[in-house]
N, C-alpha and C. Protein backbone atom coordinates (compact mmCIF):
# COMPACT_ATOMS: atom_id res chain seq x y z
N MET A 1 6.34 12.73 40.66
CA MET A 1 7.07 13.24 41.27
C MET A 1 6.61 14.77 41.69
N GLY A 2 7.46 15.29 42.60
CA GLY A 2 7.12 16.41 43.31
C GLY A 2 7.18 18.02 42.28
N LEU A 3 6.78 18.79 42.43
CA LEU A 3 7.00 20.33 41.48
C LEU A 3 8.19 20.74 41.97
N PRO A 4 8.96 21.28 41.11
CA PRO A 4 10.15 22.14 41.58
C PRO A 4 9.91 23.66 42.39
N SER A 5 10.56 23.91 43.00
CA SER A 5 10.83 25.30 43.63
C SER A 5 11.92 26.03 43.35
N TRP A 6 12.22 27.48 43.31
CA TRP A 6 13.08 28.06 43.60
C TRP A 6 13.36 28.99 44.61
N GLU A 7 14.87 29.16 44.49
CA GLU A 7 15.47 30.36 45.43
C GLU A 7 15.19 31.93 45.28
N ILE A 8 14.32 32.84 45.69
CA ILE A 8 14.28 33.59 45.21
C ILE A 8 14.97 34.89 45.79
N GLY A 9 15.64 34.74 47.06
CA GLY A 9 16.47 35.35 48.04
C GLY A 9 16.11 34.97 49.55
N ARG A 10 16.88 35.44 50.06
CA ARG A 10 16.92 35.50 51.65
C ARG A 10 16.65 36.72 52.41
N ALA A 11 16.35 36.13 53.85
CA ALA A 11 16.09 36.83 54.78
C ALA A 11 16.26 36.39 56.04
N MET A 12 17.20 37.15 57.27
CA MET A 12 17.65 36.56 58.12
C MET A 12 18.38 35.54 57.89
N GLY A 13 18.84 35.43 56.81
CA GLY A 13 19.72 34.26 56.38
C GLY A 13 19.25 32.97 56.05
N ILE A 14 17.68 33.43 55.82
CA ILE A 14 16.94 31.95 55.86
C ILE A 14 17.03 31.91 54.45
N PRO A 15 16.94 30.81 53.39
CA PRO A 15 16.66 30.86 51.89
C PRO A 15 14.89 31.03 51.72
N ILE A 16 14.38 31.82 50.82
CA ILE A 16 13.20 31.79 50.78
C ILE A 16 12.87 31.29 49.28
N ARG A 17 12.12 30.55 49.25
CA ARG A 17 11.48 29.60 47.86
C ARG A 17 10.01 29.52 47.27
N VAL A 18 10.22 29.64 46.04
CA VAL A 18 8.71 29.59 45.59
C VAL A 18 8.42 28.68 45.11
N HIS A 19 7.13 27.74 45.35
CA HIS A 19 7.13 26.16 44.52
C HIS A 19 6.24 26.78 43.45
N ALA A 20 6.64 25.87 42.58
CA ALA A 20 5.59 26.05 41.29
C ALA A 20 4.12 26.66 41.41
N SER A 21 3.66 25.46 42.44
CA SER A 21 2.21 25.96 42.39
C SER A 21 2.07 27.15 43.09
N TRP A 22 2.76 28.10 43.29
CA TRP A 22 2.56 29.34 43.66
C TRP A 22 2.08 30.02 42.66
N PHE A 23 2.83 29.73 41.31
CA PHE A 23 2.42 30.83 40.04
C PHE A 23 0.78 30.35 39.68
N PHE A 24 0.48 29.19 39.73
CA PHE A 24 -0.84 28.94 39.77
C PHE A 24 -1.83 30.28 40.46
N VAL A 25 -1.48 30.27 41.50
CA VAL A 25 -2.76 30.84 42.71
C VAL A 25 -2.09 32.22 42.60
N PHE A 26 -1.32 32.52 41.87
CA PHE A 26 -0.37 34.23 41.92
C PHE A 26 -1.36 34.40 40.78
N LEU A 27 -1.57 33.60 39.89
CA LEU A 27 -2.18 34.24 38.35
C LEU A 27 -3.80 34.04 38.67
N LEU A 28 -3.99 33.41 39.47
CA LEU A 28 -5.77 32.90 39.50
C LEU A 28 -5.89 34.57 40.53
N VAL A 29 -5.23 35.29 41.62
CA VAL A 29 -5.67 35.89 42.35
C VAL A 29 -5.69 37.17 41.61
N THR A 30 -4.62 37.23 40.61
CA THR A 30 -4.36 38.48 39.71
C THR A 30 -5.67 38.53 39.10
N TRP A 31 -6.12 37.46 38.37
CA TRP A 31 -7.29 37.35 37.01
C TRP A 31 -8.43 37.67 38.05
N THR A 32 -8.63 37.13 38.81
CA THR A 32 -9.91 37.55 40.02
C THR A 32 -9.91 38.61 40.40
N LEU A 33 -9.10 39.62 41.00
CA LEU A 33 -9.18 40.76 40.91
C LEU A 33 -9.21 41.83 40.16
N SER A 34 -8.33 41.46 38.69
CA SER A 34 -8.51 42.76 37.87
C SER A 34 -9.88 42.51 37.07
N THR A 35 -10.38 41.21 36.82
CA THR A 35 -11.39 40.87 36.36
C THR A 35 -12.86 41.47 36.86
N GLY A 36 -12.92 41.45 38.36
CA GLY A 36 -13.86 40.93 39.14
C GLY A 36 -13.84 41.79 40.14
N TYR A 37 -12.94 42.03 40.97
CA TYR A 37 -13.06 42.78 42.25
C TYR A 37 -12.77 44.63 41.92
N LEU A 38 -11.94 44.15 41.16
CA LEU A 38 -11.49 46.04 40.91
C LEU A 38 -12.36 46.47 39.88
N PRO A 39 -12.74 46.23 39.10
CA PRO A 39 -13.74 46.80 38.15
C PRO A 39 -14.93 47.12 38.64
N GLN A 40 -15.64 45.90 39.92
CA GLN A 40 -16.95 46.36 40.52
C GLN A 40 -17.03 46.98 41.66
N ASN A 41 -15.29 47.69 42.07
CA ASN A 41 -15.38 48.61 43.55
C ASN A 41 -14.45 49.54 42.54
N LEU A 42 -14.15 49.92 41.74
CA LEU A 42 -13.53 50.84 41.22
C LEU A 42 -13.67 51.32 39.89
N PRO A 43 -14.79 51.07 39.26
CA PRO A 43 -14.90 51.23 37.64
C PRO A 43 -14.25 52.80 37.36
N GLY A 44 -14.52 52.50 35.83
CA GLY A 44 -13.82 53.56 35.12
C GLY A 44 -12.48 53.05 34.77
N LEU A 45 -11.45 52.49 34.85
CA LEU A 45 -10.49 52.43 34.71
C LEU A 45 -9.99 51.43 33.44
N THR A 46 -8.89 51.40 32.74
CA THR A 46 -8.43 50.85 31.54
C THR A 46 -8.24 49.25 32.21
N PRO A 47 -8.60 48.33 31.10
CA PRO A 47 -7.98 47.19 31.65
C PRO A 47 -6.46 46.74 31.84
N GLU A 48 -5.78 47.40 31.52
CA GLU A 48 -4.13 47.39 31.49
C GLU A 48 -4.02 47.95 33.14
N ARG A 49 -4.87 49.00 33.44
CA ARG A 49 -4.76 49.15 34.79
C ARG A 49 -5.19 48.34 35.83
N TYR A 50 -6.61 47.83 35.58
CA TYR A 50 -6.96 46.88 36.48
C TYR A 50 -5.87 45.74 36.32
N TRP A 51 -5.25 45.14 35.54
CA TRP A 51 -4.24 43.95 35.53
C TRP A 51 -3.14 44.26 36.23
N ALA A 52 -2.45 45.43 36.52
CA ALA A 52 -1.49 46.17 36.66
C ALA A 52 -1.56 46.17 38.25
N MET A 53 -3.14 46.60 38.95
CA MET A 53 -3.11 46.68 40.24
C MET A 53 -3.50 45.14 40.83
N GLY A 54 -4.14 44.19 39.76
CA GLY A 54 -4.60 43.10 40.05
C GLY A 54 -2.69 42.40 40.82
N GLY A 55 -1.83 42.40 39.53
CA GLY A 55 -0.44 42.29 40.13
C GLY A 55 0.04 42.22 40.85
N ILE A 56 -0.12 43.81 41.33
CA ILE A 56 0.82 44.18 42.32
C ILE A 56 -0.14 43.66 43.67
N ALA A 57 -1.38 43.95 43.75
CA ALA A 57 -1.91 43.38 44.85
C ALA A 57 -1.62 41.87 44.95
N ALA A 58 -1.54 40.67 44.31
CA ALA A 58 -1.12 39.68 44.50
C ALA A 58 0.10 39.46 45.26
N VAL A 59 0.95 40.30 44.60
CA VAL A 59 2.58 40.06 45.17
C VAL A 59 2.15 40.65 46.66
N LEU A 60 1.68 41.61 46.93
CA LEU A 60 1.44 42.11 48.16
C LEU A 60 0.70 41.34 48.85
N LEU A 61 -0.11 40.67 48.80
CA LEU A 61 -0.46 39.35 49.11
C LEU A 61 0.14 38.54 49.56
N PHE A 62 0.97 37.94 49.00
CA PHE A 62 2.02 37.21 49.21
C PHE A 62 3.52 37.45 49.97
N LEU A 63 3.50 38.66 49.82
CA LEU A 63 4.54 39.39 50.78
C LEU A 63 3.89 39.27 51.91
N SER A 64 2.58 39.49 52.15
CA SER A 64 2.18 39.72 53.79
C SER A 64 2.46 37.94 54.32
N VAL A 65 2.30 37.00 53.41
CA VAL A 65 2.62 35.77 53.90
C VAL A 65 3.47 35.68 54.39
N LEU A 66 4.59 36.01 53.64
CA LEU A 66 5.93 35.65 53.83
C LEU A 66 6.66 36.70 55.00
N LEU A 67 6.03 37.72 55.38
CA LEU A 67 6.23 38.60 56.44
C LEU A 67 5.35 37.37 57.67
N HIS A 68 4.31 37.14 57.43
CA HIS A 68 3.42 36.24 58.56
C HIS A 68 4.83 34.77 59.22
N GLU A 69 5.42 34.01 58.03
CA GLU A 69 6.01 33.15 58.20
C GLU A 69 7.58 33.67 58.59
N LEU A 70 7.69 34.90 58.54
CA LEU A 70 9.33 35.32 58.93
C LEU A 70 8.83 35.60 60.57
N GLY A 71 7.73 36.24 60.93
CA GLY A 71 7.30 36.43 61.96
C GLY A 71 7.76 35.35 62.99
N HIS A 72 7.64 34.14 62.31
CA HIS A 72 7.78 32.48 63.16
C HIS A 72 9.17 32.18 63.26
N SER A 73 10.01 32.53 62.04
CA SER A 73 11.30 32.44 62.13
C SER A 73 11.47 33.13 63.03
N TYR A 74 11.49 34.65 63.25
CA TYR A 74 12.18 35.31 64.01
C TYR A 74 12.31 34.59 65.35
N VAL A 75 11.32 34.66 65.99
CA VAL A 75 11.29 33.98 67.42
C VAL A 75 12.03 32.60 67.48
N ALA A 76 11.13 32.07 66.33
CA ALA A 76 12.59 30.19 66.50
C ALA A 76 14.31 30.54 66.50
N LEU A 77 14.35 32.00 65.99
CA LEU A 77 15.93 31.57 65.52
C LEU A 77 16.29 32.29 66.71
N TYR A 78 15.22 33.14 67.95
CA TYR A 78 15.76 33.43 68.76
C TYR A 78 15.81 32.52 69.96
N TYR A 79 15.19 31.24 69.75
CA TYR A 79 14.96 30.11 70.86
C TYR A 79 16.26 29.01 70.16
N ARG A 80 17.35 29.39 69.10
CA ARG A 80 18.22 28.45 68.37
C ARG A 80 17.64 27.75 67.68
N ILE A 81 16.25 27.59 67.35
CA ILE A 81 16.05 27.02 66.27
C ILE A 81 16.31 27.06 64.71
N PRO A 82 16.82 26.33 64.03
CA PRO A 82 17.37 26.58 62.83
C PRO A 82 16.40 26.47 62.17
N ILE A 83 15.99 27.46 61.14
CA ILE A 83 15.18 27.39 60.07
C ILE A 83 15.75 27.01 58.39
N GLU A 84 15.57 25.87 58.12
CA GLU A 84 15.93 25.39 56.65
C GLU A 84 15.56 26.54 55.70
N LYS A 85 14.43 26.51 55.51
CA LYS A 85 14.01 27.67 54.39
C LYS A 85 12.36 28.09 54.83
N ILE A 86 11.94 28.69 53.84
CA ILE A 86 10.34 29.15 53.95
C ILE A 86 10.00 29.14 52.43
N THR A 87 8.78 28.42 52.20
CA THR A 87 8.19 28.22 50.97
C THR A 87 7.07 28.85 50.79
N LEU A 88 6.96 29.09 49.81
CA LEU A 88 5.73 30.06 49.10
C LEU A 88 5.20 29.04 48.15
N PHE A 89 3.89 28.48 48.41
CA PHE A 89 3.21 27.44 47.61
C PHE A 89 1.67 27.70 47.92
N ILE A 90 1.03 26.98 46.98
CA ILE A 90 -0.22 27.42 46.28
C ILE A 90 -1.10 27.95 47.93
N PHE A 91 -1.02 27.22 49.11
CA PHE A 91 -1.69 27.36 49.80
C PHE A 91 -1.35 28.42 50.89
N GLY A 92 0.04 29.11 50.76
CA GLY A 92 0.16 29.86 51.28
C GLY A 92 1.65 30.07 51.68
N GLY A 93 2.09 29.81 52.96
CA GLY A 93 3.77 29.53 53.24
C GLY A 93 3.98 28.64 54.28
N VAL A 94 4.96 28.36 54.77
CA VAL A 94 5.48 27.34 55.70
C VAL A 94 7.13 27.48 56.02
N ALA A 95 7.04 27.76 57.33
CA ALA A 95 8.65 28.12 57.66
C ALA A 95 9.25 26.81 58.21
N HIS A 96 10.20 26.25 57.68
CA HIS A 96 10.68 24.66 57.77
C HIS A 96 11.55 24.65 59.02
N MET A 97 11.32 24.40 60.53
CA MET A 97 12.04 24.79 61.29
C MET A 97 12.50 22.97 61.46
N ARG A 98 13.92 23.05 61.69
CA ARG A 98 14.47 21.37 61.81
C ARG A 98 14.23 20.73 63.20
N THR A 99 14.35 21.71 64.04
CA THR A 99 13.57 20.81 64.96
C THR A 99 12.75 21.41 65.92
N GLU A 100 11.93 20.84 66.43
CA GLU A 100 10.63 21.21 67.39
C GLU A 100 10.88 22.20 68.73
N ALA A 101 10.16 22.69 68.95
CA ALA A 101 10.26 24.10 70.14
C ALA A 101 10.75 23.22 71.60
N PRO A 102 12.27 23.74 72.12
CA PRO A 102 12.42 23.26 73.57
C PRO A 102 11.57 23.50 74.80
N THR A 103 10.57 24.14 74.98
CA THR A 103 9.68 24.51 75.67
C THR A 103 8.38 24.90 75.40
N PRO A 104 7.52 24.74 76.40
CA PRO A 104 5.95 25.09 76.10
C PRO A 104 5.97 26.53 75.70
N ARG A 105 6.59 27.33 76.20
CA ARG A 105 6.92 29.05 76.23
C ARG A 105 7.14 29.72 74.71
N ALA A 106 8.38 28.36 74.59
CA ALA A 106 9.16 28.77 73.50
C ALA A 106 7.51 28.36 72.05
N GLU A 107 7.28 27.39 72.40
CA GLU A 107 6.18 26.98 71.20
C GLU A 107 4.59 28.10 71.38
N LEU A 108 4.67 28.39 72.58
CA LEU A 108 3.58 29.30 72.51
C LEU A 108 4.07 30.77 71.63
N LEU A 109 5.06 31.48 72.17
CA LEU A 109 5.54 32.50 71.33
C LEU A 109 6.30 32.36 69.67
N ILE A 110 6.42 31.37 69.34
CA ILE A 110 6.24 31.02 68.17
C ILE A 110 5.74 31.02 67.22
N ALA A 111 4.55 30.35 67.60
CA ALA A 111 2.82 30.11 67.51
C ALA A 111 2.52 31.42 67.08
N LEU A 112 2.39 32.39 67.71
CA LEU A 112 1.72 33.23 68.08
C LEU A 112 2.29 34.64 67.31
N ALA A 113 3.64 34.63 67.09
CA ALA A 113 4.61 35.61 66.38
C ALA A 113 4.10 35.57 64.58
N GLY A 114 3.64 34.40 64.16
CA GLY A 114 2.88 34.89 62.89
C GLY A 114 1.37 35.26 62.55
N PRO A 115 0.56 35.10 63.53
CA PRO A 115 -0.72 36.04 63.46
C PRO A 115 -0.52 37.21 64.10
N ALA A 116 0.23 37.47 64.99
CA ALA A 116 0.78 38.99 65.43
C ALA A 116 1.37 40.03 64.32
N VAL A 117 2.20 39.31 63.46
CA VAL A 117 2.67 39.92 62.38
C VAL A 117 1.63 40.42 61.45
N SER A 118 0.46 39.58 61.19
CA SER A 118 -0.14 39.42 60.07
C SER A 118 -1.38 40.49 60.58
N LEU A 119 -1.69 40.44 61.99
CA LEU A 119 -2.71 41.39 62.41
C LEU A 119 -2.28 43.09 62.93
N VAL A 120 -0.77 43.00 62.96
CA VAL A 120 -0.04 44.51 63.17
C VAL A 120 -0.36 45.01 61.43
N ILE A 121 0.25 44.14 60.26
CA ILE A 121 -0.16 44.61 58.96
C ILE A 121 -0.99 45.24 58.66
N GLY A 122 -2.15 44.34 59.27
CA GLY A 122 -3.61 44.52 58.62
C GLY A 122 -4.38 45.99 59.23
N GLY A 123 -3.87 45.93 60.83
CA GLY A 123 -3.92 47.69 61.56
C GLY A 123 -3.23 48.34 60.42
N ALA A 124 -1.87 48.43 60.55
CA ALA A 124 -1.34 49.55 59.67
C ALA A 124 -2.09 49.95 58.25
N CYS A 125 -2.57 48.64 57.69
CA CYS A 125 -3.37 49.09 56.34
C CYS A 125 -4.22 49.83 56.66
N PHE A 126 -5.48 49.40 57.65
CA PHE A 126 -6.40 50.39 58.11
C PHE A 126 -6.28 51.98 58.23
N ILE A 127 -5.24 51.97 59.05
CA ILE A 127 -4.55 53.00 59.34
C ILE A 127 -4.56 54.02 58.05
N PHE A 128 -3.68 53.68 57.20
CA PHE A 128 -3.08 54.11 55.63
C PHE A 128 -4.45 54.21 55.44
N VAL A 129 -5.57 53.78 55.33
CA VAL A 129 -6.34 53.85 54.59
C VAL A 129 -7.43 55.08 55.06
N ALA A 130 -7.54 55.32 56.46
CA ALA A 130 -8.25 56.16 57.11
C ALA A 130 -7.33 57.48 56.89
N LEU A 131 -6.30 58.06 56.67
CA LEU A 131 -5.47 58.30 56.79
C LEU A 131 -5.58 59.08 54.95
N ALA A 132 -5.57 58.10 54.09
CA ALA A 132 -5.41 58.48 52.86
C ALA A 132 -7.18 58.90 52.54
N GLU A 133 -8.16 58.50 52.88
CA GLU A 133 -9.36 59.13 52.97
C GLU A 133 -9.78 60.37 53.06
N ALA A 134 -8.67 60.60 54.29
CA ALA A 134 -8.95 61.64 55.30
C ALA A 134 -8.30 63.08 54.25
N ILE A 135 -7.27 63.06 53.52
CA ILE A 135 -6.69 63.81 52.98
C ILE A 135 -6.33 63.67 51.51
N GLN A 136 -7.38 62.58 50.73
CA GLN A 136 -7.50 62.82 49.64
C GLN A 136 -7.83 63.97 48.75
N GLN A 137 -7.34 64.21 47.86
CA GLN A 137 -8.07 65.57 47.07
C GLN A 137 -7.81 64.87 45.33
N GLN A 138 -8.16 63.86 45.11
CA GLN A 138 -7.47 63.44 43.39
C GLN A 138 -8.27 62.19 43.45
N ARG A 139 -8.84 61.60 42.64
CA ARG A 139 -9.12 60.18 42.40
C ARG A 139 -7.77 59.30 42.31
N GLY A 140 -6.92 59.36 42.16
CA GLY A 140 -5.76 58.79 42.05
C GLY A 140 -5.13 57.94 43.51
N LEU A 141 -6.03 58.53 44.70
CA LEU A 141 -5.43 57.54 45.54
C LEU A 141 -6.62 56.55 45.72
N GLN A 142 -7.57 56.53 45.00
CA GLN A 142 -8.39 55.80 45.03
C GLN A 142 -8.06 54.17 45.09
N GLY A 143 -7.08 54.09 44.31
CA GLY A 143 -6.57 52.86 43.56
C GLY A 143 -5.78 52.46 44.62
N TRP A 144 -4.96 52.84 45.30
CA TRP A 144 -4.55 52.76 46.70
C TRP A 144 -5.22 52.49 47.66
N ILE A 145 -6.22 53.36 47.81
CA ILE A 145 -7.37 53.15 49.06
C ILE A 145 -7.70 51.49 48.95
N MET A 146 -8.01 51.53 47.73
CA MET A 146 -8.84 49.93 47.86
C MET A 146 -7.59 48.96 47.83
N LEU A 147 -6.48 49.16 47.41
CA LEU A 147 -5.53 48.00 47.65
C LEU A 147 -5.14 48.32 49.40
N GLY A 148 -5.00 49.34 49.92
CA GLY A 148 -4.50 49.20 51.49
C GLY A 148 -5.88 48.38 52.09
N ALA A 149 -6.85 48.85 51.57
CA ALA A 149 -7.98 48.25 52.58
C ALA A 149 -8.27 46.78 52.38
N LEU A 150 -8.10 45.94 50.83
CA LEU A 150 -8.03 44.49 50.82
C LEU A 150 -6.94 43.96 51.65
N LEU A 151 -5.80 44.74 51.55
CA LEU A 151 -4.70 44.03 52.17
C LEU A 151 -4.86 43.96 53.85
N GLY A 152 -5.50 45.10 54.18
CA GLY A 152 -5.84 45.28 55.86
C GLY A 152 -6.95 43.82 55.91
N VAL A 153 -7.80 43.73 55.14
CA VAL A 153 -8.73 42.79 55.44
C VAL A 153 -8.17 41.29 55.12
N VAL A 154 -7.58 41.26 54.21
CA VAL A 154 -6.59 39.67 53.91
C VAL A 154 -5.71 39.59 55.25
N ASN A 155 -5.07 40.67 55.61
CA ASN A 155 -4.37 40.11 57.05
C ASN A 155 -4.77 39.64 57.94
N MET A 156 -6.31 40.39 58.49
CA MET A 156 -6.82 40.31 59.60
C MET A 156 -7.26 38.93 59.73
N ARG A 157 -8.00 38.73 58.53
CA ARG A 157 -8.43 37.39 58.21
C ARG A 157 -7.52 36.15 58.58
N LEU A 158 -6.15 36.27 57.74
CA LEU A 158 -5.01 35.35 57.59
C LEU A 158 -4.65 35.28 59.37
N GLY A 159 -4.44 36.49 60.59
CA GLY A 159 -4.08 36.67 61.40
C GLY A 159 -5.21 35.60 62.58
N LEU A 160 -6.29 35.95 62.31
CA LEU A 160 -7.55 35.51 63.20
C LEU A 160 -8.04 33.83 62.51
N PHE A 161 -7.94 33.91 61.08
CA PHE A 161 -7.55 32.10 61.37
C PHE A 161 -6.97 31.27 61.56
N ASN A 162 -5.58 31.68 61.59
CA ASN A 162 -4.70 31.00 61.71
C ASN A 162 -4.65 30.78 63.52
N LEU A 163 -5.53 31.58 64.08
CA LEU A 163 -5.88 30.99 65.32
C LEU A 163 -6.45 30.37 65.78
N ILE A 164 -7.26 29.60 65.16
CA ILE A 164 -8.37 28.55 65.35
C ILE A 164 -7.44 27.30 65.70
N PRO A 165 -7.74 27.25 67.25
CA PRO A 165 -7.22 25.91 67.74
C PRO A 165 -7.32 24.35 67.20
N GLY A 166 -6.50 24.64 66.36
CA GLY A 166 -6.72 23.22 65.44
C GLY A 166 -5.12 23.21 64.69
N PHE A 167 -4.38 21.91 65.24
CA PHE A 167 -3.16 22.00 64.42
C PHE A 167 -3.25 21.05 63.18
N PRO A 168 -2.85 21.71 62.31
CA PRO A 168 -1.26 22.18 62.58
C PRO A 168 -1.52 23.89 62.43
N LEU A 169 -2.36 24.48 62.62
CA LEU A 169 -2.56 25.86 62.66
C LEU A 169 -1.63 26.58 63.38
N ASP A 170 -1.58 27.98 63.55
CA ASP A 170 -0.94 28.19 64.53
C ASP A 170 -2.13 28.55 65.46
N GLY A 171 -3.04 28.21 65.98
CA GLY A 171 -4.05 28.38 66.96
C GLY A 171 -3.43 26.83 67.50
N GLY A 172 -3.74 26.07 66.54
CA GLY A 172 -3.36 24.62 67.41
C GLY A 172 -1.75 24.54 67.85
N ARG A 173 -1.18 25.15 67.53
CA ARG A 173 0.27 25.03 68.01
C ARG A 173 0.42 25.66 69.38
N VAL A 174 -0.58 26.71 69.40
CA VAL A 174 -0.87 27.73 70.83
C VAL A 174 -1.93 26.67 71.91
N LEU A 175 -2.59 25.54 71.15
CA LEU A 175 -3.06 24.63 72.03
C LEU A 175 -2.30 23.64 72.33
N ARG A 176 -1.53 22.93 71.39
CA ARG A 176 -0.53 22.14 72.22
C ARG A 176 0.71 22.66 73.03
N ALA A 177 0.86 24.31 72.59
CA ALA A 177 1.61 24.42 74.09
C ALA A 177 1.05 24.33 75.30
N GLY A 178 0.09 24.94 75.68
CA GLY A 178 -1.07 24.74 76.43
C GLY A 178 -0.94 23.21 77.33
N LEU A 179 -1.26 22.32 76.20
CA LEU A 179 -1.65 21.15 76.95
C LEU A 179 -0.30 20.52 77.21
N TRP A 180 0.51 20.76 76.32
CA TRP A 180 2.17 20.47 76.79
C TRP A 180 2.58 21.07 78.53
N ALA A 181 2.24 22.25 78.35
CA ALA A 181 3.06 22.74 79.67
C ALA A 181 1.67 22.08 80.96
N TRP A 182 0.36 21.72 80.79
CA TRP A 182 -0.31 21.16 81.99
C TRP A 182 0.31 19.70 81.94
N GLY A 183 0.38 19.14 80.86
CA GLY A 183 0.58 17.39 80.99
C GLY A 183 1.76 16.65 81.33
N LYS A 184 2.99 17.86 80.66
CA LYS A 184 4.42 17.77 80.46
C LYS A 184 4.53 16.70 79.52
N ASP A 185 3.71 16.29 78.57
CA ASP A 185 4.12 15.27 77.70
C ASP A 185 3.72 15.96 76.33
N PHE A 186 5.20 16.18 75.48
CA PHE A 186 4.88 16.82 74.06
C PHE A 186 3.77 16.03 73.26
N TYR A 187 4.43 15.02 73.07
CA TYR A 187 3.68 13.66 72.12
C TYR A 187 2.24 13.90 72.37
N ARG A 188 1.60 13.99 73.56
CA ARG A 188 0.45 13.38 73.72
C ARG A 188 0.05 15.14 73.54
N ALA A 189 0.24 16.14 73.62
CA ALA A 189 -0.14 17.27 73.58
C ALA A 189 -0.36 17.33 72.22
N THR A 190 0.62 17.05 71.24
CA THR A 190 0.52 16.82 69.67
C THR A 190 -0.45 16.06 69.08
N ARG A 191 -0.79 14.98 70.02
CA ARG A 191 -2.07 14.09 69.46
C ARG A 191 -3.30 14.64 69.55
N GLN A 192 -3.50 15.70 70.73
CA GLN A 192 -4.67 16.17 71.02
C GLN A 192 -4.73 17.23 70.30
N ALA A 193 -3.74 18.20 69.99
CA ALA A 193 -4.17 19.33 69.25
C ALA A 193 -4.26 19.05 67.99
N ALA A 194 -3.82 17.37 66.97
CA ALA A 194 -4.05 17.34 66.03
C ALA A 194 -5.44 16.65 66.05
N PHE A 195 -6.32 16.11 66.83
CA PHE A 195 -7.27 15.70 66.59
C PHE A 195 -7.85 17.00 66.98
N ALA A 196 -7.97 17.88 67.68
CA ALA A 196 -9.15 19.05 67.46
C ALA A 196 -8.69 19.63 65.84
N GLY A 197 -7.42 19.59 65.54
CA GLY A 197 -7.59 19.84 64.20
C GLY A 197 -8.45 18.96 62.93
N LEU A 198 -8.23 17.94 63.40
CA LEU A 198 -9.46 17.05 62.82
C LEU A 198 -10.76 17.51 62.70
N ALA A 199 -11.23 18.03 64.20
CA ALA A 199 -12.60 18.41 64.40
C ALA A 199 -13.06 19.75 63.74
N PHE A 200 -11.81 20.64 63.91
CA PHE A 200 -12.55 21.97 63.25
C PHE A 200 -12.71 21.87 61.81
N GLY A 201 -11.82 20.58 61.13
CA GLY A 201 -11.59 20.64 59.90
C GLY A 201 -13.15 19.79 59.40
N PHE A 202 -13.56 19.04 60.22
CA PHE A 202 -14.48 18.06 59.85
C PHE A 202 -15.92 19.30 60.28
N VAL A 203 -15.73 20.38 61.15
CA VAL A 203 -16.85 21.58 61.46
C VAL A 203 -16.85 22.45 59.72
């Protein structure tokens, strides 16, 4: 029997659901940050402060994943593709599209939208860190600088990792769009992109 999920809100009219498995990875990320990463890189704070910062960081990391999926969803809605829901779960997030993209161009733009959002967020975080380091006059900013740098790195990695050309990653969907446009056969392009995904998974 599958684990339950709960609706926590809506964005652009799309239900946002949290799967039960999300809570496990949320606690794992919070624990890892508060007992390892943050004390090592920002010593001298109280355990309560580390746990609070770890929890905030974990929430922001999953907010980044949600924005990544909303990027896909925004472009999909532009092409009149209904989005049933967005689910956050142990492996990240997924936007459930009810139909496939109508054209290779639509497939390409929908696939690229998520990584583009992640890369923009990552770049904005690095700009924030650079500005904060330039103007900081007190230790209190160090925590925010640390969180900004962490979010920047994670979003950059999220955007770049998803561009790996193996289906079902976003890069695999970009590959499928190209193969679809070239061969005029959606199902064949899907099989070829899926095979690329298996090859990258093996590597």
